[in-house]
Amino acid sequence: MIPGPRRSNRRHVPIRPPRRFRACSLAFAALACAVPPARGQPSLTAELVRRYPAPEASQGVAADRDSLYAVGNSEIARYDKATGRRTALWSGDPKLFPHLNSCAAFGRDLVCAGSNYPATPMRSRVEIFDRGRLAHKRSIELGEHGGSLTWVTRRGGLWWACLANYDGRGGEPGRDHAATTLAQFDARWRRLRSWRFPKTVLDRLAPRSASGGVWSPQGLLYVSGHDSAEVYVLRLPAQGDVLEHVATIAAPIEGQAIALDPADPQRLYGVSRGARELLAMRLPKLAR
């Protein structure tokens, strides 16, 4: 008889990698285990091209031609695209700015979506910042619109915004994640109309909602979830009030707000909350 291996009395303690690398591993594990694309859709993947350390990157990212903006609940930091160096930091009173969800650069302003999440009833506010000074300029009260404002973008002289709903924490009785809508506002923030998200996207967002959204120059809407390693490509329907699901793109993000590079619309920015990084990615080309 071949003797078995000798037993050791030493207790085995698994070696755990540093938290930053555990977070990255979890993000890529989520990417690898993402839900298969909807029937008839191609399998697409965004290519990671650069990481920017950014301790403030918990809610999302915004971009202009020269800078990136890391968005936290009550803070915004500006980073130089070329060097990755932080060039400005704004910190607000959490009582006045409890939950910044996202920001986007328009003209000289940084336009941010704010809410009272997880408090209910859901109330929303648009916060306007001067990009050059990274200073708060004014607030626009939206009040209650049947959802929590998570992102704002602009197209055709109109404002487009996501009114998110949730299952459980932060949600309101009688509504769940399926009540999330894309709302259209005029230049004075008067609501004009709204669209529902398709079930193929809602099923992937559940139990949370859409945390980021931006229009492409081609008129496609790129949307990110709360924590999924995916980006959903949508477009307005020719008829009806349900957005069309064009494609799903696997991306090494952990949900939250995203941004397209105004100098290169094939470059998408996202965040890794676990690693506290801004991520630059190259989008795959979509078939016409």
Protein backbone atom coordinates (compact mmCIF):
# COMPACT_ATOMS: atom_id res chain seq x y z
CA MET A 1 0.00 0.00 0.00
CA ILE A 2 1.25 3.43 -0.91
CA PRO A 3 1.14 5.64 2.15
CA GLY A 4 -1.05 8.74 1.89
CA PRO A 5 0.26 12.25 2.36
CA ARG A 6 1.29 13.25 5.85
CA ARG A 7 -1.18 15.39 7.72
CA SER A 8 -0.09 18.75 8.99
CA ASN A 9 -1.36 20.32 12.17
CA ARG A 10 -0.84 23.76 10.71
CA ARG A 11 -4.06 25.57 9.98
CA HIS A 12 -4.47 26.65 6.36
CA VAL A 13 -5.20 30.35 5.99
CA PRO A 14 -6.14 31.43 2.46
CA ILE A 15 -4.19 34.33 1.04
CA ARG A 16 -6.46 37.20 0.08
CA PRO A 17 -5.32 39.72 -2.53
CA PRO A 18 -5.50 43.42 -1.72
CA ARG A 19 -8.99 44.91 -1.78
CA ARG A 20 -8.34 46.82 -5.00
CA PHE A 21 -7.47 43.66 -6.89
CA ARG A 22 -10.37 41.74 -5.33
CA ALA A 23 -12.71 44.45 -6.61
CA CYS A 24 -11.25 44.27 -10.10
CA SER A 25 -11.52 40.48 -10.08
CA LEU A 26 -15.17 40.69 -9.07
CA ALA A 27 -15.84 43.18 -11.86
CA PHE A 28 -14.30 40.93 -14.50
CA ALA A 29 -16.04 37.89 -13.02
CA ALA A 30 -19.32 39.73 -13.45
CA LEU A 31 -18.32 40.53 -17.02
CA ALA A 32 -17.54 36.89 -17.75
CA CYS A 33 -20.84 35.72 -16.21
CA ALA A 34 -23.00 38.39 -17.83
CA VAL A 35 -26.42 37.35 -19.06
CA PRO A 36 -26.25 36.19 -22.69
CA PRO A 37 -27.34 38.78 -25.27
CA ALA A 38 -30.98 38.96 -26.24
CA ARG A 39 -32.08 36.71 -29.09
CA GLY A 40 -30.87 38.00 -32.43
CA GLN A 41 -28.26 40.35 -30.94
CA PRO A 42 -24.53 40.01 -31.64
CA SER A 43 -22.07 39.40 -28.81
CA LEU A 44 -20.15 42.66 -28.36
CA THR A 45 -17.40 43.71 -25.95
CA ALA A 46 -15.85 47.08 -25.09
CA GLU A 47 -12.03 47.08 -24.93
CA LEU A 48 -10.44 48.52 -21.79
CA VAL A 49 -7.67 50.96 -22.80
CA ARG A 50 -6.78 52.93 -19.64
CA ARG A 51 -7.42 53.25 -15.90
CA TYR A 52 -7.35 56.51 -13.92
CA PRO A 53 -7.10 56.27 -10.11
CA ALA A 54 -9.88 58.46 -8.66
CA PRO A 55 -10.90 58.04 -5.00
CA GLU A 56 -14.11 60.03 -5.65
CA ALA A 57 -15.38 57.65 -8.36
CA SER A 58 -18.37 56.06 -6.67
CA GLN A 59 -21.33 57.38 -8.69
CA GLY A 60 -20.03 57.93 -12.17
CA VAL A 61 -17.91 59.92 -14.63
CA ALA A 62 -18.34 62.91 -16.92
CA ALA A 63 -16.04 64.05 -19.73
CA ASP A 64 -15.14 67.11 -21.75
CA ARG A 65 -12.37 67.49 -24.34
CA ASP A 66 -9.56 67.84 -21.82
CA SER A 67 -10.83 66.50 -18.50
CA LEU A 68 -12.65 63.72 -16.73
CA TYR A 69 -14.89 64.26 -13.71
CA ALA A 70 -15.22 61.65 -10.97
CA VAL A 71 -18.60 61.94 -9.26
CA GLY A 72 -19.33 60.94 -5.66
CA ASN A 73 -22.43 61.40 -3.51
CA SER A 74 -21.40 64.90 -2.39
CA GLU A 75 -18.17 65.55 -4.28
CA ILE A 76 -16.77 66.03 -7.78
CA ALA A 77 -13.11 65.85 -8.80
CA ARG A 78 -11.65 66.97 -12.12
CA TYR A 79 -8.77 65.01 -13.68
CA ASP A 80 -6.56 65.81 -16.64
CA LYS A 81 -7.11 63.24 -19.39
CA ALA A 82 -3.51 63.18 -20.57
CA THR A 83 -1.71 62.94 -17.22
CA GLY A 84 -4.38 61.59 -14.87
CA ARG A 85 -3.54 64.39 -12.42
CA ARG A 86 -6.34 65.81 -10.29
CA THR A 87 -6.79 69.51 -11.11
CA ALA A 88 -9.78 70.51 -8.95
CA LEU A 89 -12.05 69.19 -6.20
CA TRP A 90 -15.51 70.30 -5.06
CA SER A 91 -16.98 68.99 -1.81
CA GLY A 92 -20.54 69.81 -0.79
CA ASP A 93 -22.50 69.57 2.42
CA PRO A 94 -24.13 66.10 2.43
CA LYS A 95 -27.25 67.64 3.98
CA LEU A 96 -27.63 69.89 0.93
CA PHE A 97 -26.24 67.42 -1.63
CA PRO A 98 -27.21 63.98 -0.30
CA HIS A 99 -26.93 62.02 -3.54
CA LEU A 100 -25.36 63.19 -6.79
CA ASN A 101 -26.05 60.40 -9.25
CA SER A 102 -24.24 61.61 -12.36
CA CYS A 103 -22.95 64.65 -14.27
CA ALA A 104 -22.52 65.66 -17.91
CA ALA A 105 -20.62 68.51 -19.58
CA PHE A 106 -22.62 70.99 -21.68
CA GLY A 107 -21.07 74.28 -22.74
CA ARG A 108 -19.34 75.83 -19.74
CA ASP A 109 -21.48 73.88 -17.30
CA LEU A 110 -21.45 70.54 -15.59
CA VAL A 111 -25.09 69.47 -15.32
CA CYS A 112 -25.68 66.93 -12.57
CA ALA A 113 -28.61 64.75 -11.55
CA GLY A 114 -29.35 64.79 -7.83
CA SER A 115 -31.93 63.07 -5.67
CA ASN A 116 -32.90 62.40 -2.07
CA TYR A 117 -32.23 58.63 -2.45
CA PRO A 118 -32.94 56.47 -0.48
CA ALA A 119 -35.55 58.73 1.13
CA THR A 120 -39.15 58.70 -0.09
CA PRO A 121 -41.21 60.17 -1.58
CA MET A 122 -38.65 60.49 -4.37
CA ARG A 123 -37.64 64.08 -5.05
CA SER A 124 -35.17 65.21 -7.70
CA ARG A 125 -33.03 68.22 -8.44
CA VAL A 126 -30.69 69.33 -11.23
CA GLU A 127 -27.42 70.83 -9.99
CA ILE A 128 -25.47 73.20 -12.24
CA PHE A 129 -21.70 73.67 -11.79
CA ASP A 130 -19.18 75.95 -13.47
CA ARG A 131 -16.68 73.57 -15.08
CA GLY A 132 -13.79 76.03 -15.11
CA ARG A 133 -13.98 76.88 -11.41
CA LEU A 134 -15.67 73.61 -10.45
CA ALA A 135 -18.05 75.65 -8.32
CA HIS A 136 -21.78 75.19 -7.70
CA LYS A 137 -23.89 77.79 -9.54
CA ARG A 138 -27.54 76.95 -8.93
CA SER A 139 -30.15 74.25 -8.32
CA ILE A 140 -33.27 73.46 -10.34
CA GLU A 141 -35.99 71.78 -8.30
CA LEU A 142 -37.88 69.13 -10.25
CA GLY A 143 -39.87 67.81 -7.33
CA GLU A 144 -41.74 64.52 -7.73
CA HIS A 145 -41.95 62.89 -11.15
CA GLY A 146 -42.66 59.25 -10.35
CA GLY A 147 -39.01 58.28 -10.08
CA SER A 148 -35.56 59.29 -8.88
CA LEU A 149 -33.44 61.39 -11.26
CA THR A 150 -30.31 59.38 -12.03
CA TRP A 151 -28.93 60.98 -15.21
CA VAL A 152 -29.45 63.91 -17.54
CA THR A 153 -28.32 64.41 -21.13
CA ARG A 154 -29.12 66.84 -23.95
CA ARG A 155 -30.11 66.38 -27.59
CA GLY A 156 -31.98 68.49 -30.12
CA GLY A 157 -32.29 71.44 -27.74
CA LEU A 158 -34.16 69.28 -25.21
CA TRP A 159 -33.24 67.65 -21.92
CA TRP A 160 -33.53 63.88 -21.54
CA ALA A 161 -33.51 62.29 -18.10
CA CYS A 162 -33.93 58.92 -16.44
CA LEU A 163 -36.50 58.62 -13.66
CA ALA A 164 -35.42 55.46 -11.88
CA ASN A 165 -37.50 53.12 -9.75
CA TYR A 166 -36.31 50.28 -7.55
CA ASP A 167 -37.39 47.07 -5.88
CA GLY A 168 -37.00 47.41 -2.11
CA ARG A 169 -34.68 50.09 -0.69
CA GLY A 170 -35.24 53.51 -2.21
CA GLY A 171 -38.43 52.41 -3.98
CA GLU A 172 -41.99 53.52 -3.40
CA PRO A 173 -45.05 51.30 -2.82
CA GLY A 174 -46.83 50.35 -6.03
CA ARG A 175 -43.77 50.79 -8.26
CA ASP A 176 -40.73 48.62 -8.91
CA HIS A 177 -37.77 48.74 -11.33
CA ALA A 178 -40.12 48.20 -14.29
CA ALA A 179 -41.57 51.70 -13.73
CA THR A 180 -38.26 53.31 -14.77
CA THR A 181 -38.79 55.80 -17.61
CA LEU A 182 -36.88 58.04 -20.00
CA ALA A 183 -38.41 61.52 -19.72
CA GLN A 184 -38.11 64.44 -22.13
CA PHE A 185 -38.05 68.03 -20.82
CA ASP A 186 -37.97 71.35 -22.63
CA ALA A 187 -35.32 74.02 -22.07
CA ARG A 188 -37.23 75.29 -18.99
CA TRP A 189 -37.48 71.81 -17.48
CA ARG A 190 -41.17 71.32 -18.24
CA ARG A 191 -41.88 67.66 -18.83
CA LEU A 192 -43.04 66.86 -22.37
CA ARG A 193 -43.31 63.06 -22.72
CA SER A 194 -41.76 59.79 -21.65
CA TRP A 195 -40.78 56.31 -22.83
CA ARG A 196 -40.62 52.96 -21.08
CA PHE A 197 -37.60 50.66 -21.13
CA PRO A 198 -37.93 47.31 -22.95
CA LYS A 199 -38.31 44.16 -20.87
CA THR A 200 -35.04 42.75 -22.25
CA VAL A 201 -33.22 45.62 -20.52
CA LEU A 202 -35.42 45.84 -17.41
CA ASP A 203 -34.78 42.16 -16.68
CA ARG A 204 -31.04 42.86 -16.65
CA LEU A 205 -31.38 45.98 -14.52
CA ALA A 206 -33.52 44.30 -11.83
CA PRO A 207 -33.81 44.88 -8.93
CA ARG A 208 -32.16 48.29 -9.44
CA SER A 209 -32.40 50.69 -12.37
CA ALA A 210 -30.54 52.69 -15.04
CA SER A 211 -27.70 54.72 -13.50
CA GLY A 212 -26.13 56.25 -16.62
CA GLY A 213 -27.16 57.38 -20.07
CA VAL A 214 -25.77 59.39 -22.98
CA TRP A 215 -26.75 60.06 -26.59
CA SER A 216 -24.31 59.16 -29.35
CA PRO A 217 -23.86 61.38 -32.43
CA GLN A 218 -25.77 58.70 -34.39
CA GLY A 219 -28.85 59.15 -32.19
CA LEU A 220 -28.36 55.97 -30.15
CA LEU A 221 -28.82 56.01 -26.39
CA TYR A 222 -26.12 54.19 -24.38
CA VAL A 223 -27.38 53.17 -20.93
CA SER A 224 -25.64 51.58 -17.94
CA GLY A 225 -27.17 49.85 -14.92
CA HIS A 226 -26.54 50.10 -11.21
CA ASP A 227 -23.83 47.45 -10.94
CA SER A 228 -23.82 45.28 -14.07
CA ALA A 229 -20.78 44.96 -16.36
CA GLU A 230 -22.80 45.91 -19.42
CA VAL A 231 -23.92 48.84 -21.54
CA TYR A 232 -27.29 48.75 -23.33
CA VAL A 233 -27.75 50.43 -26.71
CA LEU A 234 -31.27 51.79 -27.24
CA ARG A 235 -33.11 53.99 -29.71
CA LEU A 236 -36.40 55.83 -29.85
CA PRO A 237 -39.19 53.80 -31.46
CA ALA A 238 -40.83 54.87 -34.70
CA GLN A 239 -44.15 54.26 -32.96
CA GLY A 240 -45.26 53.60 -29.40
CA ASP A 241 -43.62 54.44 -26.09
CA VAL A 242 -41.20 51.54 -25.56
CA LEU A 243 -37.52 52.10 -26.38
CA GLU A 244 -35.95 49.64 -28.82
CA HIS A 245 -33.10 47.43 -27.56
CA VAL A 246 -30.43 47.48 -30.28
CA ALA A 247 -27.48 45.74 -28.59
CA THR A 248 -25.84 44.81 -25.29
CA ILE A 249 -22.13 45.50 -24.89
CA ALA A 250 -20.07 43.72 -22.23
CA ALA A 251 -17.87 46.29 -20.49
CA PRO A 252 -15.41 46.08 -17.54
CA ILE A 253 -17.45 48.49 -15.39
CA GLU A 254 -19.44 48.12 -12.20
CA GLY A 255 -22.51 49.95 -13.41
CA GLN A 256 -23.03 53.64 -12.53
CA ALA A 257 -22.90 56.71 -14.77
CA ILE A 258 -21.01 56.69 -18.08
CA ALA A 259 -19.77 59.32 -20.56
CA LEU A 260 -18.78 59.48 -24.21
CA ASP A 261 -15.64 61.37 -25.16
CA PRO A 262 -16.69 64.50 -27.14
CA ALA A 263 -13.42 64.29 -29.10
CA ASP A 264 -13.82 60.58 -29.87
CA PRO A 265 -17.37 59.13 -29.69
CA GLN A 266 -15.99 55.58 -29.91
CA ARG A 267 -14.36 56.10 -26.50
CA LEU A 268 -16.60 55.45 -23.50
CA TYR A 269 -15.77 56.19 -19.87
CA GLY A 270 -17.10 54.32 -16.86
CA VAL A 271 -16.12 53.58 -13.27
CA SER A 272 -14.95 50.79 -11.03
CA ARG A 273 -16.40 51.55 -7.60
CA GLY A 274 -14.45 48.76 -5.94
CA ALA A 275 -11.09 49.94 -7.26
CA ARG A 276 -12.11 53.64 -7.25
CA GLU A 277 -10.97 54.16 -10.81
CA LEU A 278 -12.19 55.86 -13.96
CA LEU A 279 -12.07 53.48 -16.93
CA ALA A 280 -11.54 54.39 -20.59
CA MET A 281 -12.91 51.89 -23.12
CA ARG A 282 -13.08 51.51 -26.88
CA LEU A 283 -16.61 50.73 -28.08
CA PRO A 284 -17.17 48.08 -30.74
CA LYS A 285 -18.67 49.24 -34.01
CA LEU A 286 -22.33 48.47 -34.45
CA ALA A 287 -23.71 47.05 -37.66
CA ARG A 288 -25.97 49.43 -39.53
